[in-house]
Amino acid sequence: SSEYQSNFKAPAAMLRRLFDKSKFAISTEETRYYLNGVYMHVA
Protein backbone atom coordinates (compact mmCIF):
# COMPACT_ATOMS: atom_id res chain seq x y z
CA SER A 1 0.00 0.00 0.00
CA SER A 2 1.13 3.51 -0.69
CA GLU A 3 0.62 6.89 0.94
CA TYR A 4 -1.29 8.87 -1.68
CA GLN A 5 -0.61 12.59 -1.60
CA SER A 6 -3.55 13.50 -3.81
CA ASN A 7 -7.08 12.09 -3.50
CA PHE A 8 -10.03 13.35 -5.53
CA LYS A 9 -13.19 12.23 -7.32
CA ALA A 10 -13.75 12.66 -11.05
CA PRO A 11 -16.76 11.74 -13.22
CA ALA A 12 -16.22 8.57 -15.27
CA ALA A 13 -17.20 10.39 -18.48
CA MET A 14 -14.51 13.01 -17.91
CA LEU A 15 -11.74 10.47 -17.31
CA ARG A 16 -12.94 8.45 -20.30
CA ARG A 17 -12.62 11.49 -22.57
CA LEU A 18 -9.17 12.38 -21.22
CA PHE A 19 -7.72 8.92 -21.76
CA ASP A 20 -9.67 7.85 -24.87
CA LYS A 21 -8.65 10.93 -26.82
CA SER A 22 -4.99 10.77 -25.86
CA LYS A 23 -4.12 7.06 -25.82
CA PHE A 24 -3.75 6.68 -29.62
CA ALA A 25 -0.56 8.80 -29.46
CA ILE A 26 1.18 6.63 -26.82
CA SER A 27 4.58 5.47 -28.09
CA THR A 28 5.25 1.75 -28.49
CA GLU A 29 9.03 2.26 -28.65
CA GLU A 30 10.47 0.55 -25.59
CA THR A 31 13.71 2.57 -25.70
CA ARG A 32 11.81 5.79 -24.98
CA TYR A 33 9.97 4.15 -22.09
CA TYR A 34 8.90 7.54 -20.64
CA LEU A 35 6.61 7.96 -23.68
CA ASN A 36 4.91 4.57 -23.13
CA GLY A 37 1.99 6.08 -21.26
CA VAL A 38 -0.30 9.07 -20.76
CA TYR A 39 1.11 11.98 -18.76
CA MET A 40 -1.60 13.09 -16.29
CA HIS A 41 -0.92 16.39 -14.51
CA VAL A 42 -2.28 19.78 -13.50
CA ALA A 43 -1.64 22.49 -16.11
PDB file of all heavy atoms in Angstrom:
ATOM      1  N   SER A   1       0.857  -1.195   0.000  1.00  0.00           N
ATOM      2  CA  SER A   1       0.000   0.000   0.000  1.00  0.00           C
ATOM      3  C   SER A   1       0.887   1.236   0.000  1.00  0.00           C
ATOM      4  O   SER A   1       2.029   1.203   0.445  1.00  0.00           O
ATOM      5  CB  SER A   1      -0.935  -0.001   1.198  1.00  0.00           C
ATOM      6  OG  SER A   1      -0.148  -0.060   2.358  1.00  0.00           O
ATOM      7  N   SER A   2       0.328   2.310  -0.505  1.00  0.00           N
ATOM      8  CA  SER A   2       1.125   3.514  -0.688  1.00  0.00           C
ATOM      9  C   SER A   2       0.422   4.684  -0.015  1.00  0.00           C
ATOM     10  O   SER A   2      -0.795   4.700   0.110  1.00  0.00           O
ATOM     11  CB  SER A   2       1.253   3.757  -2.198  1.00  0.00           C
ATOM     12  OG  SER A   2       2.081   4.842  -2.470  1.00  0.00           O
ATOM     13  N   GLU A   3       1.204   5.647   0.425  1.00  0.00           N
ATOM     14  CA  GLU A   3       0.617   6.888   0.936  1.00  0.00           C
ATOM     15  C   GLU A   3       0.326   7.778  -0.269  1.00  0.00           C
ATOM     16  O   GLU A   3       1.247   8.186  -0.971  1.00  0.00           O
ATOM     17  CB  GLU A   3       1.603   7.593   1.870  1.00  0.00           C
ATOM     18  CG  GLU A   3       1.682   6.974   3.251  1.00  0.00           C
ATOM     19  CD  GLU A   3       0.371   7.108   4.023  1.00  0.00           C
ATOM     20  OE1 GLU A   3      -0.182   8.214   4.063  1.00  0.00           O
ATOM     21  OE2 GLU A   3      -0.101   6.098   4.575  1.00  0.00           O
ATOM     22  N   TYR A   4      -0.943   8.049  -0.519  1.00  0.00           N
ATOM     23  CA  TYR A   4      -1.293   8.874  -1.678  1.00  0.00           C
ATOM     24  C   TYR A   4      -1.350  10.338  -1.265  1.00  0.00           C
ATOM     25  O   TYR A   4      -2.039  10.684  -0.312  1.00  0.00           O
ATOM     26  CB  TYR A   4      -2.628   8.417  -2.257  1.00  0.00           C
ATOM     27  CG  TYR A   4      -2.560   7.027  -2.855  1.00  0.00           C
ATOM     28  CD1 TYR A   4      -3.101   5.928  -2.174  1.00  0.00           C
ATOM     29  CD2 TYR A   4      -1.947   6.806  -4.080  1.00  0.00           C
ATOM     30  CE1 TYR A   4      -3.025   4.650  -2.706  1.00  0.00           C
ATOM     31  CE2 TYR A   4      -1.868   5.536  -4.619  1.00  0.00           C
ATOM     32  CZ  TYR A   4      -2.400   4.459  -3.935  1.00  0.00           C
ATOM     33  OH  TYR A   4      -2.315   3.205  -4.476  1.00  0.00           O
ATOM     34  N   GLN A   5      -0.621  11.179  -1.997  1.00  0.00           N
ATOM     35  CA  GLN A   5      -0.611  12.592  -1.597  1.00  0.00           C
ATOM     36  C   GLN A   5      -1.757  13.377  -2.217  1.00  0.00           C
ATOM     37  O   GLN A   5      -2.028  14.495  -1.820  1.00  0.00           O
ATOM     38  CB  GLN A   5       0.735  13.229  -1.939  1.00  0.00           C
ATOM     39  CG  GLN A   5       1.097  13.240  -3.408  1.00  0.00           C
ATOM     40  CD  GLN A   5       2.596  13.411  -3.602  1.00  0.00           C
ATOM     41  OE1 GLN A   5       3.346  12.458  -3.434  1.00  0.00           O
ATOM     42  NE2 GLN A   5       3.030  14.615  -3.939  1.00  0.00           N
ATOM     43  N   SER A   6      -2.417  12.791  -3.206  1.00  0.00           N
ATOM     44  CA  SER A   6      -3.546  13.496  -3.812  1.00  0.00           C
ATOM     45  C   SER A   6      -4.719  12.534  -3.948  1.00  0.00           C
ATOM     46  O   SER A   6      -4.566  11.439  -4.503  1.00  0.00           O
ATOM     47  CB  SER A   6      -3.133  14.025  -5.190  1.00  0.00           C
ATOM     48  OG  SER A   6      -4.211  14.676  -5.807  1.00  0.00           O
ATOM     49  N   ASN A   7      -5.861  12.918  -3.415  1.00  0.00           N
ATOM     50  CA  ASN A   7      -7.076  12.094  -3.505  1.00  0.00           C
ATOM     51  C   ASN A   7      -8.230  12.970  -3.961  1.00  0.00           C
ATOM     52  O   ASN A   7      -8.506  13.999  -3.357  1.00  0.00           O
ATOM     53  CB  ASN A   7      -7.438  11.496  -2.141  1.00  0.00           C
ATOM     54  CG  ASN A   7      -6.366  10.541  -1.639  1.00  0.00           C
ATOM     55  OD1 ASN A   7      -6.284   9.404  -2.061  1.00  0.00           O
ATOM     56  ND2 ASN A   7      -5.518  11.027  -0.736  1.00  0.00           N
ATOM     57  N   PHE A   8      -8.888  12.564  -5.051  1.00  0.00           N
ATOM     58  CA  PHE A   8     -10.026  13.353  -5.530  1.00  0.00           C
ATOM     59  C   PHE A   8     -10.995  12.447  -6.272  1.00  0.00           C
ATOM     60  O   PHE A   8     -10.683  11.291  -6.565  1.00  0.00           O
ATOM     61  CB  PHE A   8      -9.554  14.500  -6.439  1.00  0.00           C
ATOM     62  CG  PHE A   8      -8.807  14.056  -7.676  1.00  0.00           C
ATOM     63  CD1 PHE A   8      -9.474  13.830  -8.873  1.00  0.00           C
ATOM     64  CD2 PHE A   8      -7.434  13.869  -7.638  1.00  0.00           C
ATOM     65  CE1 PHE A   8      -8.792  13.421 -10.009  1.00  0.00           C
ATOM     66  CE2 PHE A   8      -6.733  13.468  -8.779  1.00  0.00           C
ATOM     67  CZ  PHE A   8      -7.421  13.238  -9.962  1.00  0.00           C
ATOM     68  N   LYS A   9     -12.186  12.983  -6.551  1.00  0.00           N
ATOM     69  CA  LYS A   9     -13.187  12.225  -7.318  1.00  0.00           C
ATOM     70  C   LYS A   9     -13.380  12.906  -8.665  1.00  0.00           C
ATOM     71  O   LYS A   9     -13.401  14.140  -8.744  1.00  0.00           O
ATOM     72  CB  LYS A   9     -14.510  12.175  -6.566  1.00  0.00           C
ATOM     73  CG  LYS A   9     -14.457  11.251  -5.376  1.00  0.00           C
ATOM     74  CD  LYS A   9     -15.844  10.826  -4.943  1.00  0.00           C
ATOM     75  CE  LYS A   9     -15.726   9.567  -4.084  1.00  0.00           C
ATOM     76  NZ  LYS A   9     -16.966   9.153  -3.518  1.00  0.00           N
ATOM     77  N   ALA A  10     -13.535  12.103  -9.704  1.00  0.00           N
ATOM     78  CA  ALA A  10     -13.749  12.658 -11.047  1.00  0.00           C
ATOM     79  C   ALA A  10     -14.828  11.841 -11.743  1.00  0.00           C
ATOM     80  O   ALA A  10     -14.886  10.612 -11.589  1.00  0.00           O
ATOM     81  CB  ALA A  10     -12.452  12.608 -11.851  1.00  0.00           C
ATOM     82  N   PRO A  11     -15.717  12.487 -12.509  1.00  0.00           N
ATOM     83  CA  PRO A  11     -16.755  11.744 -13.219  1.00  0.00           C
ATOM     84  C   PRO A  11     -16.134  10.767 -14.229  1.00  0.00           C
ATOM     85  O   PRO A  11     -15.132  11.092 -14.875  1.00  0.00           O
ATOM     86  CB  PRO A  11     -17.544  12.839 -13.956  1.00  0.00           C
ATOM     87  CG  PRO A  11     -17.165  14.125 -13.292  1.00  0.00           C
ATOM     88  CD  PRO A  11     -15.792  13.935 -12.752  1.00  0.00           C
ATOM     89  N   ALA A  12     -16.730   9.585 -14.340  1.00  0.00           N
ATOM     90  CA  ALA A  12     -16.217   8.566 -15.266  1.00  0.00           C
ATOM     91  C   ALA A  12     -16.141   9.109 -16.693  1.00  0.00           C
ATOM     92  O   ALA A  12     -15.170   8.862 -17.416  1.00  0.00           O
ATOM     93  CB  ALA A  12     -17.107   7.328 -15.217  1.00  0.00           C
ATOM     94  N   ALA A  13     -17.168   9.873 -17.097  1.00  0.00           N
ATOM     95  CA  ALA A  13     -17.205  10.388 -18.477  1.00  0.00           C
ATOM     96  C   ALA A  13     -16.023  11.320 -18.746  1.00  0.00           C
ATOM     97  O   ALA A  13     -15.461  11.327 -19.850  1.00  0.00           O
ATOM     98  CB  ALA A  13     -18.521  11.124 -18.722  1.00  0.00           C
ATOM     99  N   MET A  14     -15.624  12.077 -17.738  1.00  0.00           N
ATOM    100  CA  MET A  14     -14.505  13.005 -17.907  1.00  0.00           C
ATOM    101  C   MET A  14     -13.187  12.246 -18.068  1.00  0.00           C
ATOM    102  O   MET A  14     -12.381  12.539 -18.965  1.00  0.00           O
ATOM    103  CB  MET A  14     -14.428  13.933 -16.697  1.00  0.00           C
ATOM    104  CG  MET A  14     -13.297  14.927 -16.729  1.00  0.00           C
ATOM    105  SD  MET A  14     -13.414  15.981 -15.272  1.00  0.00           S
ATOM    106  CE  MET A  14     -11.911  15.577 -14.461  1.00  0.00           C
ATOM    107  N   LEU A  15     -12.967  11.256 -17.219  1.00  0.00           N
ATOM    108  CA  LEU A  15     -11.736  10.468 -17.312  1.00  0.00           C
ATOM    109  C   LEU A  15     -11.700   9.683 -18.620  1.00  0.00           C
ATOM    110  O   LEU A  15     -10.655   9.535 -19.252  1.00  0.00           O
ATOM    111  CB  LEU A  15     -11.627   9.503 -16.129  1.00  0.00           C
ATOM    112  CG  LEU A  15     -11.332  10.138 -14.767  1.00  0.00           C
ATOM    113  CD1 LEU A  15     -11.392   9.091 -13.677  1.00  0.00           C
ATOM    114  CD2 LEU A  15      -9.961  10.820 -14.754  1.00  0.00           C
ATOM    115  N   ARG A  16     -12.874   9.206 -19.035  1.00  0.00           N
ATOM    116  CA  ARG A  16     -12.945   8.445 -20.297  1.00  0.00           C
ATOM    117  C   ARG A  16     -12.506   9.323 -21.471  1.00  0.00           C
ATOM    118  O   ARG A  16     -11.732   8.903 -22.320  1.00  0.00           O
ATOM    119  CB  ARG A  16     -14.372   7.938 -20.513  1.00  0.00           C
ATOM    120  CG  ARG A  16     -14.497   6.972 -21.684  1.00  0.00           C
ATOM    121  CD  ARG A  16     -15.857   6.344 -21.716  1.00  0.00           C
ATOM    122  NE  ARG A  16     -16.906   7.295 -22.029  1.00  0.00           N
ATOM    123  CZ  ARG A  16     -18.039   7.410 -21.343  1.00  0.00           C
ATOM    124  NH1 ARG A  16     -18.263   6.640 -20.302  1.00  0.00           N
ATOM    125  NH2 ARG A  16     -18.956   8.283 -21.698  1.00  0.00           N
ATOM    126  N   ARG A  17     -12.998  10.566 -21.484  1.00  0.00           N
ATOM    127  CA  ARG A  17     -12.625  11.486 -22.566  1.00  0.00           C
ATOM    128  C   ARG A  17     -11.122  11.780 -22.536  1.00  0.00           C
ATOM    129  O   ARG A  17     -10.443  11.753 -23.563  1.00  0.00           O
ATOM    130  CB  ARG A  17     -13.425  12.787 -22.424  1.00  0.00           C
ATOM    131  CG  ARG A  17     -13.051  13.859 -23.440  1.00  0.00           C
ATOM    132  CD  ARG A  17     -13.902  15.113 -23.280  1.00  0.00           C
ATOM    133  NE  ARG A  17     -13.452  16.158 -24.190  1.00  0.00           N
ATOM    134  CZ  ARG A  17     -12.500  17.042 -23.910  1.00  0.00           C
ATOM    135  NH1 ARG A  17     -11.896  16.989 -22.720  1.00  0.00           N
ATOM    136  NH2 ARG A  17     -12.135  17.950 -24.784  1.00  0.00           N
ATOM    137  N   LEU A  18     -10.586  12.049 -21.346  1.00  0.00           N
ATOM    138  CA  LEU A  18      -9.166  12.378 -21.225  1.00  0.00           C
ATOM    139  C   LEU A  18      -8.274  11.266 -21.758  1.00  0.00           C
ATOM    140  O   LEU A  18      -7.320  11.510 -22.503  1.00  0.00           O
ATOM    141  CB  LEU A  18      -8.802  12.658 -19.757  1.00  0.00           C
ATOM    142  CG  LEU A  18      -9.215  14.010 -19.173  1.00  0.00           C
ATOM    143  CD1 LEU A  18      -8.990  14.021 -17.664  1.00  0.00           C
ATOM    144  CD2 LEU A  18      -8.447  15.155 -19.823  1.00  0.00           C
ATOM    145  N   PHE A  19      -8.593  10.029 -21.372  1.00  0.00           N
ATOM    146  CA  PHE A  19      -7.717   8.920 -21.762  1.00  0.00           C
ATOM    147  C   PHE A  19      -8.025   8.395 -23.174  1.00  0.00           C
ATOM    148  O   PHE A  19      -7.113   8.052 -23.915  1.00  0.00           O
ATOM    149  CB  PHE A  19      -7.800   7.781 -20.730  1.00  0.00           C
ATOM    150  CG  PHE A  19      -7.049   8.095 -19.462  1.00  0.00           C
ATOM    151  CD1 PHE A  19      -7.707   8.526 -18.326  1.00  0.00           C
ATOM    152  CD2 PHE A  19      -5.663   7.990 -19.416  1.00  0.00           C
ATOM    153  CE1 PHE A  19      -7.013   8.837 -17.160  1.00  0.00           C
ATOM    154  CE2 PHE A  19      -4.951   8.290 -18.262  1.00  0.00           C
ATOM    155  CZ  PHE A  19      -5.626   8.721 -17.122  1.00  0.00           C
ATOM    156  N   ASP A  20      -9.312   8.349 -23.537  1.00  0.00           N
ATOM    157  CA  ASP A  20      -9.668   7.846 -24.872  1.00  0.00           C
ATOM    158  C   ASP A  20      -9.079   8.710 -25.977  1.00  0.00           C
ATOM    159  O   ASP A  20      -8.646   8.214 -27.006  1.00  0.00           O
ATOM    160  CB  ASP A  20     -11.198   7.796 -25.049  1.00  0.00           C
ATOM    161  CG  ASP A  20     -11.777   6.494 -24.527  1.00  0.00           C
ATOM    162  OD1 ASP A  20     -10.997   5.702 -23.962  1.00  0.00           O
ATOM    163  OD2 ASP A  20     -12.994   6.276 -24.678  1.00  0.00           O
ATOM    164  N   LYS A  21      -9.098  10.022 -25.764  1.00  0.00           N
ATOM    165  CA  LYS A  21      -8.651  10.932 -26.819  1.00  0.00           C
ATOM    166  C   LYS A  21      -7.133  11.071 -26.877  1.00  0.00           C
ATOM    167  O   LYS A  21      -6.595  11.613 -27.829  1.00  0.00           O
ATOM    168  CB  LYS A  21      -9.283  12.318 -26.621  1.00  0.00           C
ATOM    169  CG  LYS A  21     -10.737  12.374 -27.039  1.00  0.00           C
ATOM    170  CD  LYS A  21     -11.285  13.766 -26.818  1.00  0.00           C
ATOM    171  CE  LYS A  21     -12.652  13.928 -27.429  1.00  0.00           C
ATOM    172  NZ  LYS A  21     -12.640  13.864 -28.883  1.00  0.00           N
ATOM    173  N   SER A  22      -6.451  10.617 -25.848  1.00  0.00           N
ATOM    174  CA  SER A  22      -4.988  10.769 -25.857  1.00  0.00           C
ATOM    175  C   SER A  22      -4.247   9.461 -26.114  1.00  0.00           C
ATOM    176  O   SER A  22      -3.132   9.469 -26.621  1.00  0.00           O
ATOM    177  CB  SER A  22      -4.513  11.376 -24.535  1.00  0.00           C
ATOM    178  OG  SER A  22      -4.949  10.604 -23.437  1.00  0.00           O
ATOM    179  N   LYS A  23      -4.892   8.318 -25.836  1.00  0.00           N
ATOM    180  CA  LYS A  23      -4.121   7.059 -25.823  1.00  0.00           C
ATOM    181  C   LYS A  23      -3.585   6.648 -27.196  1.00  0.00           C
ATOM    182  O   LYS A  23      -2.591   5.933 -27.278  1.00  0.00           O
ATOM    183  CB  LYS A  23      -4.954   5.939 -25.201  1.00  0.00           C
ATOM    184  CG  LYS A  23      -6.170   5.518 -25.997  1.00  0.00           C
ATOM    185  CD  LYS A  23      -6.964   4.456 -25.264  1.00  0.00           C
ATOM    186  CE  LYS A  23      -8.188   4.055 -26.057  1.00  0.00           C
ATOM    187  NZ  LYS A  23      -9.074   3.198 -25.272  1.00  0.00           N
ATOM    188  N   PHE A  24      -4.224   7.096 -28.287  1.00  0.00           N
ATOM    189  CA  PHE A  24      -3.753   6.684 -29.619  1.00  0.00           C
ATOM    190  C   PHE A  24      -2.327   7.158 -29.890  1.00  0.00           C
ATOM    191  O   PHE A  24      -1.615   6.593 -30.711  1.00  0.00           O
ATOM    192  CB  PHE A  24      -4.701   7.196 -30.717  1.00  0.00           C
ATOM    193  CG  PHE A  24      -4.547   8.668 -31.024  1.00  0.00           C
ATOM    194  CD1 PHE A  24      -3.679   9.098 -32.016  1.00  0.00           C
ATOM    195  CD2 PHE A  24      -5.259   9.621 -30.302  1.00  0.00           C
ATOM    196  CE1 PHE A  24      -3.521  10.447 -32.284  1.00  0.00           C
ATOM    197  CE2 PHE A  24      -5.106  10.978 -30.561  1.00  0.00           C
ATOM    198  CZ  PHE A  24      -4.232  11.387 -31.562  1.00  0.00           C
ATOM    199  N   ALA A  25      -1.892   8.230 -29.195  1.00  0.00           N
ATOM    200  CA  ALA A  25      -0.561   8.802 -29.462  1.00  0.00           C
ATOM    201  C   ALA A  25       0.524   8.224 -28.554  1.00  0.00           C
ATOM    202  O   ALA A  25       1.681   8.637 -28.631  1.00  0.00           O
ATOM    203  CB  ALA A  25      -0.615  10.321 -29.312  1.00  0.00           C
ATOM    204  N   ILE A  26       0.166   7.248 -27.694  1.00  0.00           N
ATOM    205  CA  ILE A  26       1.180   6.633 -26.821  1.00  0.00           C
ATOM    206  C   ILE A  26       2.225   5.927 -27.677  1.00  0.00           C
ATOM    207  O   ILE A  26       1.886   5.205 -28.615  1.00  0.00           O
ATOM    208  CB  ILE A  26       0.528   5.609 -25.855  1.00  0.00           C
ATOM    209  CG1 ILE A  26      -0.433   6.307 -24.890  1.00  0.00           C
ATOM    210  CG2 ILE A  26       1.583   4.838 -25.069  1.00  0.00           C
ATOM    211  CD1 ILE A  26      -1.213   5.359 -23.990  1.00  0.00           C
ATOM    212  N   SER A  27       3.493   6.110 -27.334  1.00  0.00           N
ATOM    213  CA  SER A  27       4.577   5.475 -28.089  1.00  0.00           C
ATOM    214  C   SER A  27       4.669   3.988 -27.740  1.00  0.00           C
ATOM    215  O   SER A  27       4.431   3.596 -26.598  1.00  0.00           O
ATOM    216  CB  SER A  27       5.902   6.158 -27.753  1.00  0.00           C
ATOM    217  OG  SER A  27       6.971   5.464 -28.351  1.00  0.00           O
ATOM    218  N   THR A  28       5.049   3.186 -28.741  1.00  0.00           N
ATOM    219  CA  THR A  28       5.253   1.748 -28.490  1.00  0.00           C
ATOM    220  C   THR A  28       6.745   1.416 -28.503  1.00  0.00           C
ATOM    221  O   THR A  28       7.128   0.266 -28.421  1.00  0.00           O
ATOM    222  CB  THR A  28       4.538   0.900 -29.557  1.00  0.00           C
ATOM    223  OG1 THR A  28       4.954   1.365 -30.847  1.00  0.00           O
ATOM    224  CG2 THR A  28       3.035   1.003 -29.439  1.00  0.00           C
ATOM    225  N   GLU A  29       7.573   2.447 -28.606  1.00  0.00           N
ATOM    226  CA  GLU A  29       9.028   2.259 -28.654  1.00  0.00           C
ATOM    227  C   GLU A  29       9.553   2.054 -27.239  1.00  0.00           C
ATOM    228  O   GLU A  29       9.496   2.976 -26.417  1.00  0.00           O
ATOM    229  CB  GLU A  29       9.650   3.533 -29.247  1.00  0.00           C
ATOM    230  CG  GLU A  29      10.793   3.291 -30.201  1.00  0.00           C
ATOM    231  CD  GLU A  29      11.301   4.610 -30.754  1.00  0.00           C
ATOM    232  OE1 GLU A  29      10.576   5.262 -31.521  1.00  0.00           O
ATOM    233  OE2 GLU A  29      12.415   4.988 -30.371  1.00  0.00           O
ATOM    234  N   GLU A  30      10.064   0.861 -26.969  1.00  0.00           N
ATOM    235  CA  GLU A  30      10.471   0.552 -25.592  1.00  0.00           C
ATOM    236  C   GLU A  30      11.680   1.370 -25.142  1.00  0.00           C
ATOM    237  O   GLU A  30      11.879   1.595 -23.953  1.00  0.00           O
ATOM    238  CB  GLU A  30      10.771  -0.947 -25.443  1.00  0.00           C
ATOM    239  CG  GLU A  30       9.561  -1.855 -25.665  1.00  0.00           C
ATOM    240  CD  GLU A  30       8.371  -1.533 -24.756  1.00  0.00           C
ATOM    241  OE1 GLU A  30       8.590  -1.117 -23.607  1.00  0.00           O
ATOM    242  OE2 GLU A  30       7.218  -1.695 -25.204  1.00  0.00           O
ATOM    243  N   THR A  31      12.510   1.822 -26.097  1.00  0.00           N
ATOM    244  CA  THR A  31      13.713   2.568 -25.698  1.00  0.00           C
ATOM    245  C   THR A  31      13.351   3.915 -25.091  1.00  0.00           C
ATOM    246  O   THR A  31      14.039   4.413 -24.211  1.00  0.00           O
ATOM    247  CB  THR A  31      14.646   2.795 -26.908  1.00  0.00           C
ATOM    248  OG1 THR A  31      13.868   3.324 -27.980  1.00  0.00           O
ATOM    249  CG2 THR A  31      15.306   1.505 -27.341  1.00  0.00           C
ATOM    250  N   ARG A  32      12.256   4.515 -25.578  1.00  0.00           N
ATOM    251  CA  ARG A  32      11.810   5.786 -24.983  1.00  0.00           C
ATOM    252  C   ARG A  32      10.654   5.462 -24.042  1.00  0.00           C
ATOM    253  O   ARG A  32       9.512   5.860 -24.260  1.00  0.00           O
ATOM    254  CB  ARG A  32      11.397   6.749 -26.093  1.00  0.00           C
ATOM    255  CG  ARG A  32      12.562   7.062 -27.023  1.00  0.00           C
ATOM    256  CD  ARG A  32      12.083   7.690 -28.317  1.00  0.00           C
ATOM    257  NE  ARG A  32      11.828   9.112 -28.149  1.00  0.00           N
ATOM    258  CZ  ARG A  32      11.213   9.858 -29.063  1.00  0.00           C
ATOM    259  NH1 ARG A  32      10.801   9.305 -30.195  1.00  0.00           N
ATOM    260  NH2 ARG A  32      11.018  11.139 -28.875  1.00  0.00           N
ATOM    261  N   TYR A  33      10.991   4.705 -22.996  1.00  0.00           N
ATOM    262  CA  TYR A  33       9.972   4.150 -22.094  1.00  0.00           C
ATOM    263  C   TYR A  33       9.097   5.233 -21.459  1.00  0.00           C
ATOM    264  O   TYR A  33       7.952   5.005 -21.122  1.00  0.00           O
ATOM    265  CB  TYR A  33      10.649   3.301 -21.006  1.00  0.00           C
ATOM    266  CG  TYR A  33      11.540   4.116 -20.095  1.00  0.00           C
ATOM    267  CD1 TYR A  33      11.048   4.656 -18.912  1.00  0.00           C
ATOM    268  CD2 TYR A  33      12.864   4.377 -20.431  1.00  0.00           C
ATOM    269  CE1 TYR A  33      11.843   5.428 -18.086  1.00  0.00           C
ATOM    270  CE2 TYR A  33      13.667   5.155 -19.619  1.00  0.00           C
ATOM    271  CZ  TYR A  33      13.148   5.678 -18.447  1.00  0.00           C
ATOM    272  OH  TYR A  33      13.923   6.461 -17.638  1.00  0.00           O
ATOM    273  N   TYR A  34       9.656   6.451 -21.281  1.00  0.00           N
ATOM    274  CA  TYR A  34       8.904   7.538 -20.642  1.00  0.00           C
ATOM    275  C   TYR A  34       7.771   8.049 -21.541  1.00  0.00           C
ATOM    276  O   TYR A  34       6.948   8.848 -21.101  1.00  0.00           O
ATOM    277  CB  TYR A  34       9.843   8.688 -20.249  1.00  0.00           C
ATOM    278  CG  TYR A  34      10.766   9.118 -21.368  1.00  0.00           C
ATOM    279  CD1 TYR A  34      10.340  10.020 -22.336  1.00  0.00           C
ATOM    280  CD2 TYR A  34      12.048   8.574 -21.478  1.00  0.00           C
ATOM    281  CE1 TYR A  34      11.167  10.386 -23.383  1.00  0.00           C
ATOM    282  CE2 TYR A  34      12.887   8.946 -22.529  1.00  0.00           C
ATOM    283  CZ  TYR A  34      12.440   9.844 -23.478  1.00  0.00           C
ATOM    284  OH  TYR A  34      13.246  10.198 -24.525  1.00  0.00           O
ATOM    285  N   LEU A  35       7.725   7.592 -22.802  1.00  0.00           N
ATOM    286  CA  LEU A  35       6.611   7.961 -23.684  1.00  0.00           C
ATOM    287  C   LEU A  35       5.581   6.828 -23.801  1.00  0.00           C
ATOM    288  O   LEU A  35       4.623   6.934 -24.557  1.00  0.00           O
ATOM    289  CB  LEU A  35       7.126   8.307 -25.094  1.00  0.00           C
ATOM    290  CG  LEU A  35       8.053   9.521 -25.219  1.00  0.00           C
ATOM    291  CD1 LEU A  35       8.438   9.749 -26.670  1.00  0.00           C
ATOM    292  CD2 LEU A  35       7.409  10.780 -24.642  1.00  0.00           C
ATOM    293  N   ASN A  36       5.804   5.734 -23.039  1.00  0.00           N
ATOM    294  CA  ASN A  36       4.912   4.571 -23.135  1.00  0.00           C
ATOM    295  C   ASN A  36       3.675   4.683 -22.253  1.00  0.00           C
ATOM    296  O   ASN A  36       3.192   3.692 -21.703  1.00  0.00           O
ATOM    297  CB  ASN A  36       5.666   3.270 -22.776  1.00  0.00           C
ATOM    298  CG  ASN A  36       6.759   2.910 -23.755  1.00  0.00           C
ATOM    299  OD1 ASN A  36       7.601   2.099 -23.453  1.00  0.00           O
ATOM    300  ND2 ASN A  36       6.754   3.513 -24.939  1.00  0.00           N
ATOM    301  N   GLY A  37       3.170   5.899 -22.091  1.00  0.00           N
ATOM    302  CA  GLY A  37       1.987   6.085 -21.260  1.00  0.00           C
ATOM    303  C   GLY A  37       1.396   7.468 -21.476  1.00  0.00           C
ATOM    304  O   GLY A  37       1.829   8.227 -22.348  1.00  0.00           O
ATOM    305  N   VAL A  38       0.373   7.768 -20.687  1.00  0.00           N
ATOM    306  CA  VAL A  38      -0.300   9.073 -20.755  1.00  0.00           C
ATOM    307  C   VAL A  38       0.140   9.901 -19.551  1.00  0.00           C
ATOM    308  O   VAL A  38       0.040   9.442 -18.400  1.00  0.00           O
ATOM    309  CB  VAL A  38      -1.838   8.897 -20.753  1.00  0.00           C
ATOM    310  CG1 VAL A  38      -2.541  10.235 -20.606  1.00  0.00           C
ATOM    311  CG2 VAL A  38      -2.299   8.202 -22.030  1.00  0.00           C
ATOM    312  N   TYR A  39       0.639  11.096 -19.815  1.00  0.00           N
ATOM    313  CA  TYR A  39       1.114  11.981 -18.758  1.00  0.00           C
ATOM    314  C   TYR A  39      -0.080  12.761 -18.191  1.00  0.00           C
ATOM    315  O   TYR A  39      -0.673  13.591 -18.870  1.00  0.00           O
ATOM    316  CB  TYR A  39       2.162  12.931 -19.346  1.00  0.00           C
ATOM    317  CG  TYR A  39       2.764  13.926 -18.379  1.00  0.00           C
ATOM    318  CD1 TYR A  39       3.109  13.562 -17.074  1.00  0.00           C
ATOM    319  CD2 TYR A  39       3.016  15.240 -18.773  1.00  0.00           C
ATOM    320  CE1 TYR A  39       3.670  14.474 -16.190  1.00  0.00           C
ATOM    321  CE2 TYR A  39       3.586  16.162 -17.902  1.00  0.00           C
ATOM    322  CZ  TYR A  39       3.912  15.778 -16.617  1.00  0.00           C
ATOM    323  OH  TYR A  39       4.463  16.682 -15.749  1.00  0.00           O
ATOM    324  N   MET A  40      -0.456  12.442 -16.943  1.00  0.00           N
ATOM    325  CA  MET A  40      -1.598  13.092 -16.293  1.00  0.00           C
ATOM    326  C   MET A  40      -1.054  14.091 -15.274  1.00  0.00           C
ATOM    327  O   MET A  40      -0.272  13.724 -14.393  1.00  0.00           O
ATOM    328  CB  MET A  40      -2.481  12.044 -15.603  1.00  0.00           C
ATOM    329  CG  MET A  40      -3.699  12.625 -14.912  1.00  0.00           C
ATOM    330  SD  MET A  40      -4.843  11.360 -14.279  1.00  0.00           S
ATOM    331  CE  MET A  40      -3.970  10.750 -12.847  1.00  0.00           C
ATOM    332  N   HIS A  41      -1.471  15.359 -15.395  1.00  0.00           N
ATOM    333  CA  HIS A  41      -0.920  16.388 -14.512  1.00  0.00           C
ATOM    334  C   HIS A  41      -1.850  17.597 -14.468  1.00  0.00           C
ATOM    335  O   HIS A  41      -2.832  17.676 -15.206  1.00  0.00           O
ATOM    336  CB  HIS A  41       0.473  16.807 -14.995  1.00  0.00           C
ATOM    337  CG  HIS A  41       0.491  17.372 -16.386  1.00  0.00           C
ATOM    338  ND1 HIS A  41       0.134  16.625 -17.495  1.00  0.00           N
ATOM    339  CD2 HIS A  41       0.809  18.602 -16.864  1.00  0.00           C
ATOM    340  CE1 HIS A  41       0.246  17.368 -18.584  1.00  0.00           C
ATOM    341  NE2 HIS A  41       0.639  18.578 -18.229  1.00  0.00           N
ATOM    342  N   VAL A  42      -1.529  18.525 -13.592  1.00  0.00           N
ATOM    343  CA  VAL A  42      -2.280  19.780 -13.502  1.00  0.00           C
ATOM    344  C   VAL A  42      -1.544  20.814 -14.353  1.00  0.00           C
ATOM    345  O   VAL A  42      -0.320  20.939 -14.269  1.00  0.00           O
ATOM    346  CB  VAL A  42      -2.368  20.268 -12.036  1.00  0.00           C
ATOM    347  CG1 VAL A  42      -3.092  21.603 -11.962  1.00  0.00           C
ATOM    348  CG2 VAL A  42      -3.100  19.229 -11.188  1.00  0.00           C
ATOM    349  N   ALA A  43      -2.287  21.533 -15.200  1.00  0.00           N
ATOM    350  CA  ALA A  43      -1.645  22.494 -16.106  1.00  0.00           C
ATOM    351  C   ALA A  43      -2.425  23.797 -16.127  1.00  0.00           C
ATOM    352  O   ALA A  43      -3.605  23.838 -15.773  1.00  0.00           O
ATOM    353  CB  ALA A  43      -1.569  21.905 -17.506  1.00  0.00           C
TER     354      ALA A  43
END
